[in-house]
Each structure stands twice: as C-alpha cells, then as structure tokens.
Amino acid sequence: MGTLFNLDPLEINIVANPGEPPKLPKGMGYLSFSHSSDAIILVWHDKKIGIDIERTDRNFNYDKLANKYFLKSNRSYNTSQLNKDSILKQWCAIEAAIKWDHGKLSKDIKEWQYFKEEKILFHPKKKLRLKFTQINFYQWNICLAHKETFDYITDIFCTSTII
C-alpha cells in the first residue's frame, strides 16, 4: 500500500475492528481479505471488492451444505451439477459477495443466488447484483466479488502468503 500511494506504510491508517472489514482512509480504495488453513490473501482495489479463498481439497459434507443453504433458497442452482467442486465454488463466490456487502455469513448466505454461467451473484432482498471472478490457483479456489467489470485481472492488486 505504501508503494501504491507513495507513502510510508506506517502513515496508512487501516481501521480493522473485530468482526468488521478493514477500512482505509477516504480516497485510498478498498481492502478485503480471506484465509484458509494455510494461506491468507489480501486484495486492494479503488472500487469496492470482496474476496474469499478456500482449499480445493477441503473436507466437508457438500450434500448437507448444499441442501441447507443453496438448494432451497436458490432456484437457479442445477441439482445435476451437485458435486464437491461446484458447491465449494458456489460457497466461495457467495462468501466473497457477503464480504463485498459487509454482511454476515450466518444471515446472508441463504439470500445470495449464484448464476455460474453468467458469473452473477444476486441478493433479491437488497436488490444487489454483483459479478464474480473465480481463479483456481494450485490447491485453492479464489473468488472476487465486484460490481465493476475489470479489463484485466492485473487491475486488482493481490498478495498472498502460504503458511
């Protein structure tokens, strides 16, 4: 961030209260971050953005997760595509959208609709429509939720650390 703004990094006042997304001073853009068991990723953009990272080999009961959160509330979901990979990608995209919206996972996960082919996330109650970009990077699935269309992925500044 210091390099990006030609400032001493210690001069950048990032507000990071518990349970809230990090905030930069006005005019310095937006931050979002996520972590998995062995990686952390931080993204900055001049427009609002949300990010999530999940291990592709994460062990979870995808049938139970899909039935509890996605299949009942999301009419757009194609049940013939119900598999671990597709559910993990949907989870990752929706979590990125929740971070974009500064929402709460427990409250908002059932509200977001995922349209894989169109790369759209929609929250009917809030009338929010976001785009998403998914990236498979080694053993991680990374998803960015954004309102704007990016010309190139390099429009976004990401850094990650593998633990």
C-alpha atoms as a PDB file:
ATOM      1  CA  MET A   1       0.000   0.000   0.000  1.00  0.00           C
ATOM      2  CA  GLY A   2       2.862   2.322   0.787  1.00  0.00           C
ATOM      3  CA  THR A   3       4.356   1.767  -2.657  1.00  0.00           C
ATOM      4  CA  LEU A   4       0.968   2.135  -4.311  1.00  0.00           C
ATOM      5  CA  PHE A   5       0.358   5.542  -2.708  1.00  0.00           C
ATOM      6  CA  ASN A   6       3.986   6.635  -2.425  1.00  0.00           C
ATOM      7  CA  LEU A   7       3.659   6.866   1.349  1.00  0.00           C
ATOM      8  CA  ASP A   8       5.463   5.451   4.343  1.00  0.00           C
ATOM      9  CA  PRO A   9       3.417   2.298   5.121  1.00  0.00           C
ATOM     10  CA  LEU A  10       3.145   3.382   8.760  1.00  0.00           C
ATOM     11  CA  GLU A  11       1.300   6.519   7.615  1.00  0.00           C
ATOM     12  CA  ILE A  12      -1.619   4.496   6.239  1.00  0.00           C
ATOM     13  CA  ASN A  13      -4.280   4.281   8.927  1.00  0.00           C
ATOM     14  CA  ILE A  14      -6.089   0.969   8.386  1.00  0.00           C
ATOM     15  CA  VAL A  15      -9.068   0.584  10.706  1.00  0.00           C
ATOM     16  CA  ALA A  16      -9.632  -3.106  11.437  1.00  0.00           C
ATOM     17  CA  ASN A  17     -12.168  -3.552  14.209  1.00  0.00           C
ATOM     18  CA  PRO A  18     -13.063  -7.130  15.241  1.00  0.00           C
ATOM     19  CA  GLY A  19     -15.886  -8.573  13.173  1.00  0.00           C
ATOM     20  CA  GLU A  20     -15.722  -5.758  10.607  1.00  0.00           C
ATOM     21  CA  PRO A  21     -13.958  -5.481   7.274  1.00  0.00           C
ATOM     22  CA  PRO A  22     -10.745  -3.431   7.185  1.00  0.00           C
ATOM     23  CA  LYS A  23     -11.203   0.201   6.144  1.00  0.00           C
ATOM     24  CA  LEU A  24      -8.731   2.542   4.505  1.00  0.00           C
ATOM     25  CA  PRO A  25      -8.849   6.326   4.735  1.00  0.00           C
ATOM     26  CA  LYS A  26     -11.257   8.003   2.297  1.00  0.00           C
ATOM     27  CA  GLY A  27      -9.935   8.054  -1.245  1.00  0.00           C
ATOM     28  CA  MET A  28      -7.497   5.169  -0.752  1.00  0.00           C
ATOM     29  CA  GLY A  29      -9.718   2.388  -2.092  1.00  0.00           C
ATOM     30  CA  TYR A  30     -10.947  -0.823  -0.533  1.00  0.00           C
ATOM     31  CA  LEU A  31      -9.411  -3.873   1.119  1.00  0.00           C
ATOM     32  CA  SER A  32     -10.750  -7.360   1.544  1.00  0.00           C
ATOM     33  CA  PHE A  33      -9.019 -10.410   2.929  1.00  0.00           C
ATOM     34  CA  SER A  34      -9.587 -14.096   3.478  1.00  0.00           C
ATOM     35  CA  HIS A  35      -7.682 -17.051   4.819  1.00  0.00           C
ATOM     36  CA  SER A  36      -7.668 -20.820   4.756  1.00  0.00           C
ATOM     37  CA  SER A  37      -5.798 -23.264   6.945  1.00  0.00           C
ATOM     38  CA  ASP A  38      -2.528 -22.500   5.176  1.00  0.00           C
ATOM     39  CA  ALA A  39      -2.931 -19.280   3.177  1.00  0.00           C
ATOM     40  CA  ILE A  40      -4.037 -15.692   3.550  1.00  0.00           C
ATOM     41  CA  ILE A  41      -4.977 -13.405   0.697  1.00  0.00           C
ATOM     42  CA  LEU A  42      -5.428  -9.647   0.693  1.00  0.00           C
ATOM     43  CA  VAL A  43      -6.899  -7.677  -2.186  1.00  0.00           C
ATOM     44  CA  TRP A  44      -6.986  -3.945  -2.827  1.00  0.00           C
ATOM     45  CA  HIS A  45      -8.921  -2.063  -5.478  1.00  0.00           C
ATOM     46  CA  ASP A  46     -10.063   1.509  -5.946  1.00  0.00           C
ATOM     47  CA  LYS A  47     -13.667   0.198  -6.111  1.00  0.00           C
ATOM     48  CA  LYS A  48     -15.425  -1.945  -3.505  1.00  0.00           C
ATOM     49  CA  ILE A  49     -14.367  -5.606  -3.697  1.00  0.00           C
ATOM     50  CA  GLY A  50     -14.781  -8.847  -1.745  1.00  0.00           C
ATOM     51  CA  ILE A  51     -12.529 -11.905  -1.740  1.00  0.00           C
ATOM     52  CA  ASP A  52     -12.642 -15.458  -0.442  1.00  0.00           C
ATOM     53  CA  ILE A  53     -10.133 -18.302  -0.601  1.00  0.00           C
ATOM     54  CA  GLU A  54     -10.890 -21.968   0.008  1.00  0.00           C
ATOM     55  CA  ARG A  55      -8.716 -25.069  -0.321  1.00  0.00           C
ATOM     56  CA  THR A  56      -9.926 -27.282  -3.155  1.00  0.00           C
ATOM     57  CA  ASP A  57      -9.174 -30.369  -1.053  1.00  0.00           C
ATOM     58  CA  ARG A  58     -11.201 -29.084   1.906  1.00  0.00           C
ATOM     59  CA  ASN A  59     -13.080 -31.911   3.573  1.00  0.00           C
ATOM     60  CA  PHE A  60     -16.749 -31.032   4.098  1.00  0.00           C
ATOM     61  CA  ASN A  61     -20.188 -32.564   3.633  1.00  0.00           C
ATOM     62  CA  TYR A  62     -21.161 -30.834   0.402  1.00  0.00           C
ATOM     63  CA  ASP A  63     -24.587 -32.549   0.202  1.00  0.00           C
ATOM     64  CA  LYS A  64     -25.576 -31.229   3.625  1.00  0.00           C
ATOM     65  CA  LEU A  65     -24.180 -27.749   2.886  1.00  0.00           C
ATOM     66  CA  ALA A  66     -25.996 -27.539  -0.460  1.00  0.00           C
ATOM     67  CA  ASN A  67     -29.299 -28.713   0.982  1.00  0.00           C
ATOM     68  CA  LYS A  68     -29.103 -26.414   3.992  1.00  0.00           C
ATOM     69  CA  TYR A  69     -28.044 -23.226   2.244  1.00  0.00           C
ATOM     70  CA  PHE A  70     -28.288 -23.377  -1.521  1.00  0.00           C
ATOM     71  CA  LEU A  71     -30.884 -25.749  -2.922  1.00  0.00           C
ATOM     72  CA  LYS A  72     -33.939 -24.486  -1.040  1.00  0.00           C
ATOM     73  CA  SER A  73     -33.290 -20.786  -1.487  1.00  0.00           C
ATOM     74  CA  ASN A  74     -31.542 -20.770  -4.836  1.00  0.00           C
ATOM     75  CA  ARG A  75     -33.819 -21.766  -7.684  1.00  0.00           C
ATOM     76  CA  SER A  76     -31.018 -21.030 -10.145  1.00  0.00           C
ATOM     77  CA  TYR A  77     -28.948 -23.963  -8.938  1.00  0.00           C
ATOM     78  CA  ASN A  78     -28.779 -27.002 -11.209  1.00  0.00           C
ATOM     79  CA  THR A  79     -29.013 -30.081  -8.979  1.00  0.00           C
ATOM     80  CA  SER A  80     -27.436 -32.276 -11.666  1.00  0.00           C
ATOM     81  CA  GLN A  81     -24.208 -30.359 -11.046  1.00  0.00           C
ATOM     82  CA  LEU A  82     -24.208 -31.165  -7.341  1.00  0.00           C
ATOM     83  CA  ASN A  83     -20.662 -32.175  -6.523  1.00  0.00           C
ATOM     84  CA  LYS A  84     -17.992 -31.104  -4.068  1.00  0.00           C
ATOM     85  CA  ASP A  85     -16.179 -28.815  -6.513  1.00  0.00           C
ATOM     86  CA  SER A  86     -19.298 -26.960  -7.669  1.00  0.00           C
ATOM     87  CA  ILE A  87     -20.566 -26.434  -4.117  1.00  0.00           C
ATOM     88  CA  LEU A  88     -17.154 -25.201  -2.944  1.00  0.00           C
ATOM     89  CA  LYS A  89     -17.033 -22.708  -5.828  1.00  0.00           C
ATOM     90  CA  GLN A  90     -20.546 -21.506  -5.019  1.00  0.00           C
ATOM     91  CA  TRP A  91     -19.662 -21.152  -1.337  1.00  0.00           C
ATOM     92  CA  CYS A  92     -16.502 -19.227  -2.207  1.00  0.00           C
ATOM     93  CA  ALA A  93     -18.366 -16.843  -4.551  1.00  0.00           C
ATOM     94  CA  ILE A  94     -21.164 -16.175  -2.077  1.00  0.00           C
ATOM     95  CA  GLU A  95     -18.729 -15.591   0.778  1.00  0.00           C
ATOM     96  CA  ALA A  96     -16.863 -13.065  -1.406  1.00  0.00           C
ATOM     97  CA  ALA A  97     -20.203 -11.320  -2.099  1.00  0.00           C
ATOM     98  CA  ILE A  98     -21.007 -11.188   1.606  1.00  0.00           C
ATOM     99  CA  LYS A  99     -17.614  -9.571   2.212  1.00  0.00           C
ATOM    100  CA  TRP A 100     -18.286  -7.077  -0.594  1.00  0.00           C
ATOM    101  CA  ASP A 101     -21.587  -6.181   1.062  1.00  0.00           C
ATOM    102  CA  HIS A 102     -20.084  -6.158   4.587  1.00  0.00           C
ATOM    103  CA  GLY A 103     -22.795  -8.625   5.534  1.00  0.00           C
ATOM    104  CA  LYS A 104     -22.900 -11.545   7.936  1.00  0.00           C
ATOM    105  CA  LEU A 105     -22.376 -15.113   6.739  1.00  0.00           C
ATOM    106  CA  SER A 106     -24.990 -16.557   9.106  1.00  0.00           C
ATOM    107  CA  LYS A 107     -27.636 -14.067   7.969  1.00  0.00           C
ATOM    108  CA  ASP A 108     -26.860 -13.623   4.280  1.00  0.00           C
ATOM    109  CA  ILE A 109     -25.732 -16.987   2.926  1.00  0.00           C
ATOM    110  CA  LYS A 110     -29.270 -18.168   2.149  1.00  0.00           C
ATOM    111  CA  GLU A 111     -30.130 -14.894   0.424  1.00  0.00           C
ATOM    112  CA  TRP A 112     -27.469 -14.820  -2.300  1.00  0.00           C
ATOM    113  CA  GLN A 113     -28.237 -16.506  -5.600  1.00  0.00           C
ATOM    114  CA  TYR A 114     -25.396 -17.886  -7.707  1.00  0.00           C
ATOM    115  CA  PHE A 115     -25.530 -17.932 -11.503  1.00  0.00           C
ATOM    116  CA  LYS A 116     -22.472 -19.861 -12.609  1.00  0.00           C
ATOM    117  CA  GLU A 117     -22.681 -19.375 -16.373  1.00  0.00           C
ATOM    118  CA  GLU A 118     -23.464 -15.657 -16.189  1.00  0.00           C
ATOM    119  CA  LYS A 119     -20.910 -15.140 -13.388  1.00  0.00           C
ATOM    120  CA  ILE A 120     -23.528 -13.200 -11.435  1.00  0.00           C
ATOM    121  CA  LEU A 121     -24.442 -13.132  -7.741  1.00  0.00           C
ATOM    122  CA  PHE A 122     -27.827 -11.692  -6.807  1.00  0.00           C
ATOM    123  CA  HIS A 123     -29.357 -10.743  -3.462  1.00  0.00           C
ATOM    124  CA  PRO A 124     -33.109 -10.262  -4.118  1.00  0.00           C
ATOM    125  CA  LYS A 125     -33.993  -8.574  -0.810  1.00  0.00           C
ATOM    126  CA  LYS A 126     -31.250  -5.958  -1.172  1.00  0.00           C
ATOM    127  CA  LYS A 127     -31.565  -5.838  -4.968  1.00  0.00           C
ATOM    128  CA  LEU A 128     -27.795  -6.275  -5.224  1.00  0.00           C
ATOM    129  CA  ARG A 129     -26.263  -7.678  -8.384  1.00  0.00           C
ATOM    130  CA  LEU A 130     -22.549  -8.448  -8.400  1.00  0.00           C
ATOM    131  CA  LYS A 131     -20.163 -10.024 -10.839  1.00  0.00           C
ATOM    132  CA  PHE A 132     -17.647 -12.602  -9.753  1.00  0.00           C
ATOM    133  CA  THR A 133     -14.317 -13.870 -10.975  1.00  0.00           C
ATOM    134  CA  GLN A 134     -13.078 -17.299  -9.901  1.00  0.00           C
ATOM    135  CA  ILE A 135      -9.478 -18.393 -10.073  1.00  0.00           C
ATOM    136  CA  ASN A 136      -8.034 -21.817  -9.366  1.00  0.00           C
ATOM    137  CA  PHE A 137      -4.521 -21.362  -8.044  1.00  0.00           C
ATOM    138  CA  TYR A 138      -2.673 -24.549  -7.113  1.00  0.00           C
ATOM    139  CA  GLN A 139      -4.824 -26.102  -4.370  1.00  0.00           C
ATOM    140  CA  TRP A 140      -7.001 -23.041  -3.725  1.00  0.00           C
ATOM    141  CA  ASN A 141     -10.161 -21.640  -5.213  1.00  0.00           C
ATOM    142  CA  ILE A 142     -10.166 -17.850  -5.041  1.00  0.00           C
ATOM    143  CA  CYS A 143     -13.198 -15.739  -5.786  1.00  0.00           C
ATOM    144  CA  LEU A 144     -13.526 -11.993  -6.212  1.00  0.00           C
ATOM    145  CA  ALA A 145     -16.928 -10.298  -5.980  1.00  0.00           C
ATOM    146  CA  HIS A 146     -17.207  -6.912  -7.647  1.00  0.00           C
ATOM    147  CA  LYS A 147     -19.706  -4.510  -9.146  1.00  0.00           C
ATOM    148  CA  GLU A 148     -17.373  -3.188 -11.824  1.00  0.00           C
ATOM    149  CA  THR A 149     -16.034  -5.120 -14.779  1.00  0.00           C
ATOM    150  CA  PHE A 150     -12.276  -5.474 -14.740  1.00  0.00           C
ATOM    151  CA  ASP A 151     -10.463  -5.245 -18.055  1.00  0.00           C
ATOM    152  CA  TYR A 152      -7.635  -7.358 -16.742  1.00  0.00           C
ATOM    153  CA  ILE A 153      -7.028  -9.298 -13.564  1.00  0.00           C
ATOM    154  CA  THR A 154      -3.972  -7.041 -13.128  1.00  0.00           C
ATOM    155  CA  ASP A 155      -6.411  -4.219 -12.379  1.00  0.00           C
ATOM    156  CA  ILE A 156      -6.544  -5.832  -8.944  1.00  0.00           C
ATOM    157  CA  PHE A 157      -3.634  -5.922  -6.520  1.00  0.00           C
ATOM    158  CA  CYS A 158      -3.473  -9.215  -4.611  1.00  0.00           C
ATOM    159  CA  THR A 159      -0.900 -10.673  -2.315  1.00  0.00           C
ATOM    160  CA  SER A 160      -0.927 -13.990  -0.539  1.00  0.00           C
ATOM    161  CA  THR A 161       1.205 -15.907   1.887  1.00  0.00           C
ATOM    162  CA  ILE A 162       1.373 -19.650   2.064  1.00  0.00           C
ATOM    163  CA  ILE A 163       1.885 -20.852   5.612  1.00  0.00           C
END
